[in-house]
Amino acid sequence: MPKFKPLPSLARVKELVRYDASTGKLFWLQSVARWIKPGDEAGTKCIQCIDITLDKITYRAHRIIWFLVTEEDPKNLLIDHIDGNPHNNRFDNLRLATSHQNQCNQKRRSDNTSGLKGVSWCKDRNKWQAGLSFKGKRIALGRFNTKEEAYAAYCEAAIRLHGEFARLQ
């Protein structure tokens, strides 16, 4: 389980930023640097997330948002983006997750050649095969004549094993 930096006090966060629930964005309430004015959007967009620096410590914006809305520190739990978009920080798109649950919600890999998550071609048998990972173990779901049959097997297993965190695409 990942370790996260302790969040600043809720009072300090509320002094520095406000959260706009309709956009999922944070805005500065005061000038924290000479180039930042109150009302400016807070945070720096990275490939995997939006970072925000409060009192010279950088945090993930979605963790600060969770803290502001729930008034509870997520501690060592992850904040999962339900739609898989790390820049969509609307609260209805965020949920607490363990590391395992967060991994279940991963998108189809960019090097996937079948076009379907959990499905690959088995050259040895000339069939489509389906598989997934669950709690660190690879589970083979079988070989099939069509990739659609393999994908159906993947979807059934993902929903059964991963529940609400199953991402089928």
N, C-alpha and C. Protein backbone atom coordinates (compact mmCIF):
# COMPACT_ATOMS: atom_id res chain seq x y z
N MET A 1 0.84 -1.18 0.00
CA MET A 1 0.00 0.00 0.00
C MET A 1 0.89 1.24 0.00
N PRO A 2 0.61 2.20 -0.87
CA PRO A 2 1.45 3.39 -0.93
C PRO A 2 1.33 4.23 0.34
N LYS A 3 2.39 4.95 0.63
CA LYS A 3 2.39 5.88 1.76
C LYS A 3 2.24 7.28 1.20
N PHE A 4 1.37 8.06 1.79
CA PHE A 4 1.14 9.43 1.33
C PHE A 4 1.59 10.41 2.39
N LYS A 5 2.00 11.58 1.91
CA LYS A 5 2.37 12.65 2.84
C LYS A 5 1.14 13.05 3.64
N PRO A 6 1.31 13.34 4.94
CA PRO A 6 0.16 13.82 5.71
C PRO A 6 -0.36 15.13 5.10
N LEU A 7 -1.67 15.25 5.05
CA LEU A 7 -2.28 16.47 4.50
C LEU A 7 -2.18 17.60 5.53
N PRO A 8 -2.17 18.84 5.05
CA PRO A 8 -2.21 19.95 6.01
C PRO A 8 -3.55 19.95 6.74
N SER A 9 -3.68 20.80 7.74
CA SER A 9 -4.95 20.84 8.47
C SER A 9 -6.06 21.30 7.53
N LEU A 10 -7.27 20.85 7.80
CA LEU A 10 -8.42 21.24 7.00
C LEU A 10 -8.59 22.76 7.01
N ALA A 11 -8.37 23.36 8.17
CA ALA A 11 -8.48 24.82 8.27
C ALA A 11 -7.50 25.51 7.33
N ARG A 12 -6.27 24.99 7.25
CA ARG A 12 -5.25 25.60 6.38
C ARG A 12 -5.65 25.43 4.91
N VAL A 13 -6.13 24.26 4.55
CA VAL A 13 -6.56 24.02 3.16
C VAL A 13 -7.68 24.99 2.80
N LYS A 14 -8.65 25.16 3.70
CA LYS A 14 -9.78 26.06 3.44
C LYS A 14 -9.35 27.52 3.38
N GLU A 15 -8.24 27.88 4.00
CA GLU A 15 -7.69 29.24 3.90
C GLU A 15 -7.10 29.49 2.52
N LEU A 16 -6.52 28.45 1.94
CA LEU A 16 -5.75 28.61 0.70
C LEU A 16 -6.55 28.41 -0.57
N VAL A 17 -7.46 27.42 -0.59
CA VAL A 17 -8.16 27.09 -1.83
C VAL A 17 -9.64 26.87 -1.61
N ARG A 18 -10.39 27.04 -2.70
CA ARG A 18 -11.80 26.67 -2.69
C ARG A 18 -12.01 25.70 -3.84
N TYR A 19 -13.01 24.85 -3.67
CA TYR A 19 -13.31 23.81 -4.65
C TYR A 19 -14.60 24.17 -5.37
N ASP A 20 -14.56 24.13 -6.69
CA ASP A 20 -15.76 24.34 -7.50
C ASP A 20 -16.28 22.96 -7.92
N ALA A 21 -17.36 22.53 -7.29
CA ALA A 21 -17.90 21.19 -7.52
C ALA A 21 -18.37 20.99 -8.95
N SER A 22 -18.82 22.04 -9.64
CA SER A 22 -19.34 21.87 -10.99
C SER A 22 -18.23 21.61 -12.01
N THR A 23 -17.03 22.13 -11.75
CA THR A 23 -15.92 21.93 -12.69
C THR A 23 -14.89 20.93 -12.18
N GLY A 24 -14.89 20.68 -10.87
CA GLY A 24 -13.88 19.80 -10.29
C GLY A 24 -12.54 20.47 -10.14
N LYS A 25 -12.51 21.78 -10.14
CA LYS A 25 -11.24 22.52 -10.07
C LYS A 25 -11.09 23.24 -8.75
N LEU A 26 -9.84 23.47 -8.40
CA LEU A 26 -9.49 24.24 -7.21
C LEU A 26 -9.06 25.64 -7.63
N PHE A 27 -9.38 26.63 -6.79
CA PHE A 27 -9.01 28.01 -7.07
C PHE A 27 -8.37 28.62 -5.82
N TRP A 28 -7.36 29.46 -6.04
CA TRP A 28 -6.67 30.10 -4.93
C TRP A 28 -7.57 31.14 -4.27
N LEU A 29 -7.54 31.17 -2.97
CA LEU A 29 -8.27 32.18 -2.20
C LEU A 29 -7.36 33.35 -1.82
N GLN A 30 -6.05 33.10 -1.86
CA GLN A 30 -5.08 34.15 -1.55
C GLN A 30 -3.85 33.97 -2.41
N SER A 31 -3.07 35.01 -2.48
CA SER A 31 -1.84 34.97 -3.26
C SER A 31 -0.79 34.19 -2.48
N VAL A 32 -0.32 33.08 -3.06
CA VAL A 32 0.71 32.28 -2.39
C VAL A 32 2.08 32.46 -3.06
N ALA A 33 2.09 33.19 -4.16
CA ALA A 33 3.33 33.55 -4.86
C ALA A 33 3.02 34.83 -5.63
N ARG A 34 4.05 35.55 -6.01
CA ARG A 34 3.79 36.85 -6.66
C ARG A 34 3.08 36.73 -8.00
N TRP A 35 3.16 35.56 -8.64
CA TRP A 35 2.50 35.39 -9.94
C TRP A 35 1.09 34.77 -9.79
N ILE A 36 0.69 34.46 -8.56
CA ILE A 36 -0.64 33.88 -8.32
C ILE A 36 -1.53 34.91 -7.65
N LYS A 37 -2.72 35.07 -8.23
CA LYS A 37 -3.69 36.01 -7.68
C LYS A 37 -4.89 35.24 -7.15
N PRO A 38 -5.57 35.77 -6.13
CA PRO A 38 -6.80 35.11 -5.68
C PRO A 38 -7.77 34.95 -6.85
N GLY A 39 -8.36 33.77 -6.96
CA GLY A 39 -9.28 33.48 -8.06
C GLY A 39 -8.63 32.69 -9.18
N ASP A 40 -7.28 32.67 -9.23
CA ASP A 40 -6.59 31.87 -10.25
C ASP A 40 -6.83 30.38 -9.98
N GLU A 41 -6.86 29.61 -11.06
CA GLU A 41 -6.98 28.17 -10.91
C GLU A 41 -5.72 27.62 -10.24
N ALA A 42 -5.92 26.73 -9.29
CA ALA A 42 -4.79 26.14 -8.55
C ALA A 42 -4.43 24.80 -9.16
N GLY A 43 -3.16 24.50 -9.16
CA GLY A 43 -2.70 23.18 -9.60
C GLY A 43 -1.97 23.21 -10.91
N THR A 44 -1.16 22.20 -11.09
CA THR A 44 -0.38 22.02 -12.31
C THR A 44 -0.77 20.69 -12.92
N LYS A 45 -1.18 20.73 -14.18
CA LYS A 45 -1.62 19.51 -14.87
C LYS A 45 -0.39 18.72 -15.29
N CYS A 46 -0.36 17.45 -14.87
CA CYS A 46 0.67 16.50 -15.28
C CYS A 46 -0.01 15.44 -16.14
N ILE A 47 0.73 14.51 -16.67
CA ILE A 47 0.14 13.46 -17.49
C ILE A 47 -0.81 12.61 -16.66
N GLN A 48 -0.40 12.24 -15.44
CA GLN A 48 -1.18 11.31 -14.64
C GLN A 48 -2.10 11.96 -13.62
N CYS A 49 -2.02 13.27 -13.43
CA CYS A 49 -2.82 13.88 -12.37
C CYS A 49 -2.72 15.41 -12.44
N ILE A 50 -3.27 16.04 -11.42
CA ILE A 50 -3.08 17.47 -11.21
C ILE A 50 -2.44 17.61 -9.84
N ASP A 51 -1.30 18.28 -9.79
CA ASP A 51 -0.59 18.51 -8.54
C ASP A 51 -0.87 19.91 -8.03
N ILE A 52 -0.89 20.06 -6.72
CA ILE A 52 -1.05 21.37 -6.11
C ILE A 52 -0.05 21.48 -4.96
N THR A 53 0.62 22.63 -4.88
CA THR A 53 1.60 22.85 -3.84
C THR A 53 1.02 23.78 -2.79
N LEU A 54 0.95 23.28 -1.57
CA LEU A 54 0.46 24.06 -0.44
C LEU A 54 1.57 24.13 0.60
N ASP A 55 1.95 25.33 0.96
CA ASP A 55 3.02 25.53 1.95
C ASP A 55 4.28 24.74 1.59
N LYS A 56 4.66 24.81 0.33
CA LYS A 56 5.89 24.21 -0.21
C LYS A 56 5.89 22.68 -0.23
N ILE A 57 4.73 22.06 -0.07
CA ILE A 57 4.62 20.61 -0.19
C ILE A 57 3.61 20.30 -1.28
N THR A 58 3.98 19.41 -2.20
CA THR A 58 3.13 19.08 -3.34
C THR A 58 2.24 17.88 -3.01
N TYR A 59 0.95 18.04 -3.32
CA TYR A 59 -0.05 17.00 -3.10
C TYR A 59 -0.79 16.75 -4.40
N ARG A 60 -1.44 15.63 -4.51
CA ARG A 60 -2.34 15.36 -5.62
C ARG A 60 -3.62 16.15 -5.36
N ALA A 61 -4.11 16.86 -6.36
CA ALA A 61 -5.30 17.70 -6.20
C ALA A 61 -6.50 16.87 -5.78
N HIS A 62 -6.64 15.65 -6.32
CA HIS A 62 -7.82 14.85 -5.97
C HIS A 62 -7.83 14.47 -4.48
N ARG A 63 -6.67 14.36 -3.85
CA ARG A 63 -6.62 14.08 -2.40
C ARG A 63 -7.08 15.30 -1.61
N ILE A 64 -6.66 16.48 -2.06
CA ILE A 64 -7.09 17.72 -1.40
C ILE A 64 -8.60 17.90 -1.57
N ILE A 65 -9.11 17.61 -2.75
CA ILE A 65 -10.55 17.74 -3.02
C ILE A 65 -11.33 16.77 -2.13
N TRP A 66 -10.88 15.53 -2.04
CA TRP A 66 -11.56 14.56 -1.18
C TRP A 66 -11.61 15.08 0.26
N PHE A 67 -10.49 15.62 0.71
CA PHE A 67 -10.38 16.16 2.07
C PHE A 67 -11.34 17.33 2.27
N LEU A 68 -11.40 18.24 1.30
CA LEU A 68 -12.30 19.39 1.41
C LEU A 68 -13.77 18.99 1.46
N VAL A 69 -14.15 18.04 0.62
CA VAL A 69 -15.56 17.67 0.51
C VAL A 69 -16.02 16.80 1.68
N THR A 70 -15.21 15.81 2.04
CA THR A 70 -15.63 14.86 3.09
C THR A 70 -15.16 15.29 4.48
N GLU A 71 -14.18 16.18 4.50
CA GLU A 71 -13.52 16.60 5.75
C GLU A 71 -12.85 15.42 6.45
N GLU A 72 -12.49 14.40 5.66
CA GLU A 72 -11.78 13.23 6.18
C GLU A 72 -10.53 12.99 5.35
N ASP A 73 -9.41 12.77 6.02
CA ASP A 73 -8.15 12.45 5.36
C ASP A 73 -8.25 11.01 4.83
N PRO A 74 -7.98 10.79 3.54
CA PRO A 74 -8.05 9.42 3.00
C PRO A 74 -6.93 8.51 3.52
N LYS A 75 -6.02 9.08 4.28
CA LYS A 75 -4.89 8.35 4.87
C LYS A 75 -4.14 7.56 3.80
N ASN A 76 -4.04 6.25 3.94
CA ASN A 76 -3.27 5.46 2.97
C ASN A 76 -4.12 4.82 1.88
N LEU A 77 -5.38 5.25 1.76
CA LEU A 77 -6.20 4.77 0.65
C LEU A 77 -5.96 5.66 -0.57
N LEU A 78 -6.14 5.09 -1.73
CA LEU A 78 -6.03 5.85 -2.98
C LEU A 78 -7.36 6.52 -3.28
N ILE A 79 -7.32 7.55 -4.09
CA ILE A 79 -8.53 8.15 -4.63
C ILE A 79 -8.59 7.72 -6.09
N ASP A 80 -9.59 6.94 -6.43
CA ASP A 80 -9.75 6.38 -7.77
C ASP A 80 -10.64 7.30 -8.59
N HIS A 81 -10.25 7.55 -9.83
CA HIS A 81 -11.09 8.29 -10.78
C HIS A 81 -11.96 7.26 -11.51
N ILE A 82 -13.24 7.30 -11.27
CA ILE A 82 -14.16 6.29 -11.79
C ILE A 82 -14.08 6.19 -13.31
N ASP A 83 -14.03 7.34 -13.99
CA ASP A 83 -13.99 7.32 -15.46
C ASP A 83 -12.59 7.12 -16.03
N GLY A 84 -11.60 6.99 -15.16
CA GLY A 84 -10.23 6.77 -15.62
C GLY A 84 -9.51 8.02 -16.08
N ASN A 85 -10.17 9.17 -16.04
CA ASN A 85 -9.55 10.43 -16.46
C ASN A 85 -8.96 11.12 -15.24
N PRO A 86 -7.62 11.15 -15.10
CA PRO A 86 -7.00 11.72 -13.91
C PRO A 86 -7.16 13.24 -13.78
N HIS A 87 -7.69 13.87 -14.80
CA HIS A 87 -7.89 15.33 -14.77
C HIS A 87 -9.34 15.69 -14.45
N ASN A 88 -10.21 14.70 -14.34
CA ASN A 88 -11.61 14.93 -14.01
C ASN A 88 -11.78 14.76 -12.49
N ASN A 89 -11.67 15.88 -11.77
CA ASN A 89 -11.72 15.83 -10.31
C ASN A 89 -13.07 16.25 -9.74
N ARG A 90 -14.14 16.07 -10.53
CA ARG A 90 -15.46 16.30 -9.94
C ARG A 90 -15.67 15.22 -8.88
N PHE A 91 -16.24 15.62 -7.75
CA PHE A 91 -16.35 14.70 -6.62
C PHE A 91 -17.13 13.44 -6.97
N ASP A 92 -18.13 13.55 -7.83
CA ASP A 92 -18.91 12.35 -8.20
C ASP A 92 -18.11 11.38 -9.05
N ASN A 93 -16.90 11.76 -9.45
CA ASN A 93 -16.01 10.89 -10.21
C ASN A 93 -14.91 10.29 -9.33
N LEU A 94 -14.92 10.61 -8.05
CA LEU A 94 -13.88 10.14 -7.14
C LEU A 94 -14.45 9.13 -6.15
N ARG A 95 -13.62 8.15 -5.79
CA ARG A 95 -14.01 7.19 -4.76
C ARG A 95 -12.74 6.65 -4.09
N LEU A 96 -12.88 6.26 -2.85
CA LEU A 96 -11.77 5.64 -2.14
C LEU A 96 -11.53 4.25 -2.70
N ALA A 97 -10.26 3.86 -2.76
CA ALA A 97 -9.93 2.54 -3.29
C ALA A 97 -8.64 2.03 -2.67
N THR A 98 -8.54 0.73 -2.55
CA THR A 98 -7.27 0.12 -2.19
C THR A 98 -6.41 0.09 -3.46
N SER A 99 -5.17 -0.24 -3.31
CA SER A 99 -4.28 -0.35 -4.47
C SER A 99 -4.80 -1.42 -5.44
N HIS A 100 -5.27 -2.53 -4.91
CA HIS A 100 -5.81 -3.60 -5.75
C HIS A 100 -7.04 -3.13 -6.53
N GLN A 101 -7.96 -2.45 -5.84
CA GLN A 101 -9.17 -1.96 -6.51
C GLN A 101 -8.81 -0.95 -7.60
N ASN A 102 -7.84 -0.10 -7.34
CA ASN A 102 -7.42 0.90 -8.32
C ASN A 102 -6.84 0.22 -9.56
N GLN A 103 -6.10 -0.86 -9.37
CA GLN A 103 -5.53 -1.58 -10.50
C GLN A 103 -6.62 -2.27 -11.33
N CYS A 104 -7.69 -2.70 -10.68
CA CYS A 104 -8.81 -3.32 -11.40
C CYS A 104 -9.45 -2.34 -12.37
N ASN A 105 -9.36 -1.06 -12.06
CA ASN A 105 -10.01 -0.01 -12.84
C ASN A 105 -9.10 0.56 -13.94
N GLN A 106 -8.02 -0.13 -14.26
CA GLN A 106 -7.13 0.35 -15.31
C GLN A 106 -7.76 0.22 -16.68
N LYS A 107 -7.35 1.15 -17.57
CA LYS A 107 -7.83 1.11 -18.95
C LYS A 107 -7.10 0.02 -19.73
N ARG A 108 -7.63 -0.26 -20.92
CA ARG A 108 -6.97 -1.21 -21.83
C ARG A 108 -5.57 -0.68 -22.14
N ARG A 109 -4.61 -1.56 -22.14
CA ARG A 109 -3.22 -1.17 -22.39
C ARG A 109 -3.05 -0.62 -23.80
N SER A 110 -2.13 0.31 -23.94
CA SER A 110 -1.91 0.94 -25.25
C SER A 110 -1.27 -0.02 -26.25
N ASP A 111 -0.60 -1.07 -25.76
CA ASP A 111 0.02 -2.04 -26.68
C ASP A 111 -0.89 -3.23 -26.97
N ASN A 112 -2.15 -3.15 -26.57
CA ASN A 112 -3.13 -4.20 -26.84
C ASN A 112 -3.41 -4.25 -28.34
N THR A 113 -3.26 -5.43 -28.95
CA THR A 113 -3.46 -5.54 -30.40
C THR A 113 -4.83 -6.12 -30.77
N SER A 114 -5.55 -6.70 -29.81
CA SER A 114 -6.87 -7.26 -30.13
C SER A 114 -7.94 -6.17 -30.15
N GLY A 115 -7.68 -5.07 -29.47
CA GLY A 115 -8.68 -4.01 -29.37
C GLY A 115 -9.67 -4.24 -28.24
N LEU A 116 -9.55 -5.37 -27.55
CA LEU A 116 -10.46 -5.70 -26.45
C LEU A 116 -9.65 -6.00 -25.20
N LYS A 117 -10.05 -5.42 -24.10
CA LYS A 117 -9.33 -5.61 -22.84
C LYS A 117 -9.41 -7.07 -22.41
N GLY A 118 -8.26 -7.60 -21.98
CA GLY A 118 -8.21 -8.97 -21.47
C GLY A 118 -8.15 -10.04 -22.53
N VAL A 119 -8.03 -9.65 -23.80
CA VAL A 119 -8.05 -10.62 -24.91
C VAL A 119 -6.76 -10.52 -25.72
N SER A 120 -6.18 -11.68 -26.03
CA SER A 120 -4.98 -11.72 -26.88
C SER A 120 -5.02 -12.96 -27.77
N TRP A 121 -4.16 -12.96 -28.77
CA TRP A 121 -4.11 -14.06 -29.72
C TRP A 121 -3.06 -15.06 -29.26
N CYS A 122 -3.41 -16.34 -29.25
CA CYS A 122 -2.49 -17.41 -28.88
C CYS A 122 -1.99 -18.06 -30.18
N LYS A 123 -0.75 -17.78 -30.53
CA LYS A 123 -0.20 -18.31 -31.79
C LYS A 123 -0.10 -19.83 -31.78
N ASP A 124 0.26 -20.40 -30.63
CA ASP A 124 0.44 -21.85 -30.54
C ASP A 124 -0.83 -22.62 -30.87
N ARG A 125 -1.96 -22.12 -30.47
CA ARG A 125 -3.23 -22.82 -30.65
C ARG A 125 -4.12 -22.21 -31.71
N ASN A 126 -3.71 -21.06 -32.25
CA ASN A 126 -4.52 -20.34 -33.23
C ASN A 126 -5.92 -20.05 -32.69
N LYS A 127 -5.94 -19.54 -31.48
CA LYS A 127 -7.21 -19.19 -30.84
C LYS A 127 -7.02 -17.89 -30.05
N TRP A 128 -8.15 -17.29 -29.73
CA TRP A 128 -8.15 -16.11 -28.86
C TRP A 128 -8.18 -16.57 -27.41
N GLN A 129 -7.39 -15.92 -26.58
CA GLN A 129 -7.39 -16.28 -25.17
C GLN A 129 -7.79 -15.08 -24.31
N ALA A 130 -8.42 -15.37 -23.19
CA ALA A 130 -8.85 -14.33 -22.26
C ALA A 130 -8.17 -14.57 -20.92
N GLY A 131 -7.85 -13.48 -20.25
CA GLY A 131 -7.24 -13.59 -18.93
C GLY A 131 -7.29 -12.27 -18.20
N LEU A 132 -7.11 -12.33 -16.89
CA LEU A 132 -7.05 -11.12 -16.09
C LEU A 132 -6.22 -11.39 -14.85
N SER A 133 -5.90 -10.33 -14.14
CA SER A 133 -5.17 -10.46 -12.88
C SER A 133 -6.13 -10.19 -11.73
N PHE A 134 -5.94 -10.97 -10.66
CA PHE A 134 -6.75 -10.77 -9.46
C PHE A 134 -5.88 -11.04 -8.25
N LYS A 135 -5.75 -10.03 -7.41
CA LYS A 135 -4.94 -10.11 -6.19
C LYS A 135 -3.53 -10.60 -6.50
N GLY A 136 -2.94 -10.04 -7.54
CA GLY A 136 -1.56 -10.34 -7.88
C GLY A 136 -1.33 -11.62 -8.64
N LYS A 137 -2.37 -12.34 -8.97
CA LYS A 137 -2.21 -13.60 -9.70
C LYS A 137 -2.89 -13.50 -11.06
N ARG A 138 -2.25 -14.08 -12.05
CA ARG A 138 -2.81 -14.11 -13.40
C ARG A 138 -3.79 -15.28 -13.49
N ILE A 139 -4.99 -15.00 -14.00
CA ILE A 139 -6.01 -16.03 -14.14
C ILE A 139 -6.31 -16.21 -15.63
N ALA A 140 -6.06 -17.41 -16.13
CA ALA A 140 -6.38 -17.74 -17.52
C ALA A 140 -7.85 -18.13 -17.58
N LEU A 141 -8.58 -17.54 -18.49
CA LEU A 141 -10.02 -17.78 -18.61
C LEU A 141 -10.37 -18.73 -19.75
N GLY A 142 -9.37 -19.13 -20.52
CA GLY A 142 -9.62 -20.09 -21.58
C GLY A 142 -9.29 -19.56 -22.96
N ARG A 143 -9.39 -20.45 -23.94
CA ARG A 143 -9.15 -20.10 -25.34
C ARG A 143 -10.46 -20.26 -26.10
N PHE A 144 -10.63 -19.38 -27.09
CA PHE A 144 -11.92 -19.29 -27.78
C PHE A 144 -11.71 -19.13 -29.28
N ASN A 145 -12.73 -19.51 -30.06
CA ASN A 145 -12.65 -19.40 -31.51
C ASN A 145 -12.72 -17.96 -32.00
N THR A 146 -13.45 -17.12 -31.28
CA THR A 146 -13.56 -15.72 -31.69
C THR A 146 -13.13 -14.81 -30.55
N LYS A 147 -12.68 -13.62 -30.92
CA LYS A 147 -12.27 -12.69 -29.86
C LYS A 147 -13.47 -12.17 -29.09
N GLU A 148 -14.64 -12.19 -29.71
CA GLU A 148 -15.86 -11.77 -29.01
C GLU A 148 -16.20 -12.75 -27.88
N GLU A 149 -16.03 -14.05 -28.13
CA GLU A 149 -16.26 -15.05 -27.08
C GLU A 149 -15.26 -14.87 -25.93
N ALA A 150 -14.01 -14.62 -26.29
CA ALA A 150 -12.98 -14.40 -25.28
C ALA A 150 -13.29 -13.15 -24.46
N TYR A 151 -13.74 -12.11 -25.13
CA TYR A 151 -14.07 -10.86 -24.44
C TYR A 151 -15.27 -11.04 -23.51
N ALA A 152 -16.26 -11.81 -23.93
CA ALA A 152 -17.42 -12.09 -23.07
C ALA A 152 -16.97 -12.81 -21.80
N ALA A 153 -16.03 -13.75 -21.93
CA ALA A 153 -15.50 -14.46 -20.76
C ALA A 153 -14.75 -13.49 -19.85
N TYR A 154 -13.98 -12.59 -20.46
CA TYR A 154 -13.26 -11.58 -19.66
C TYR A 154 -14.24 -10.70 -18.90
N CYS A 155 -15.26 -10.21 -19.57
CA CYS A 155 -16.24 -9.30 -18.95
C CYS A 155 -16.94 -9.98 -17.78
N GLU A 156 -17.36 -11.21 -17.97
CA GLU A 156 -18.05 -11.94 -16.89
C GLU A 156 -17.13 -12.09 -15.68
N ALA A 157 -15.88 -12.48 -15.91
CA ALA A 157 -14.93 -12.68 -14.81
C ALA A 157 -14.58 -11.36 -14.14
N ALA A 158 -14.39 -10.30 -14.93
CA ALA A 158 -14.04 -8.99 -14.37
C ALA A 158 -15.15 -8.47 -13.46
N ILE A 159 -16.38 -8.59 -13.91
CA ILE A 159 -17.52 -8.13 -13.10
C ILE A 159 -17.64 -8.96 -11.82
N ARG A 160 -17.46 -10.27 -11.95
CA ARG A 160 -17.56 -11.16 -10.78
C ARG A 160 -16.44 -10.90 -9.78
N LEU A 161 -15.20 -10.73 -10.27
CA LEU A 161 -14.06 -10.60 -9.37
C LEU A 161 -13.79 -9.17 -8.93
N HIS A 162 -13.98 -8.21 -9.83
CA HIS A 162 -13.62 -6.82 -9.53
C HIS A 162 -14.81 -5.96 -9.09
N GLY A 163 -16.02 -6.47 -9.27
CA GLY A 163 -17.20 -5.74 -8.82
C GLY A 163 -17.31 -4.34 -9.43
N GLU A 164 -17.61 -3.35 -8.59
CA GLU A 164 -17.80 -1.99 -9.07
C GLU A 164 -16.54 -1.38 -9.69
N PHE A 165 -15.37 -1.98 -9.44
CA PHE A 165 -14.12 -1.45 -9.97
C PHE A 165 -13.77 -2.07 -11.33
N ALA A 166 -14.59 -2.98 -11.83
CA ALA A 166 -14.32 -3.61 -13.12
C ALA A 166 -14.42 -2.55 -14.22
N ARG A 167 -13.37 -2.45 -15.01
CA ARG A 167 -13.38 -1.60 -16.20
C ARG A 167 -13.30 -2.54 -17.38
N LEU A 168 -14.29 -2.45 -18.24
CA LEU A 168 -14.38 -3.40 -19.34
C LEU A 168 -13.76 -2.89 -20.64
N GLN A 169 -13.31 -1.66 -20.66
CA GLN A 169 -12.73 -1.12 -21.91
C GLN A 169 -11.37 -0.55 -21.66
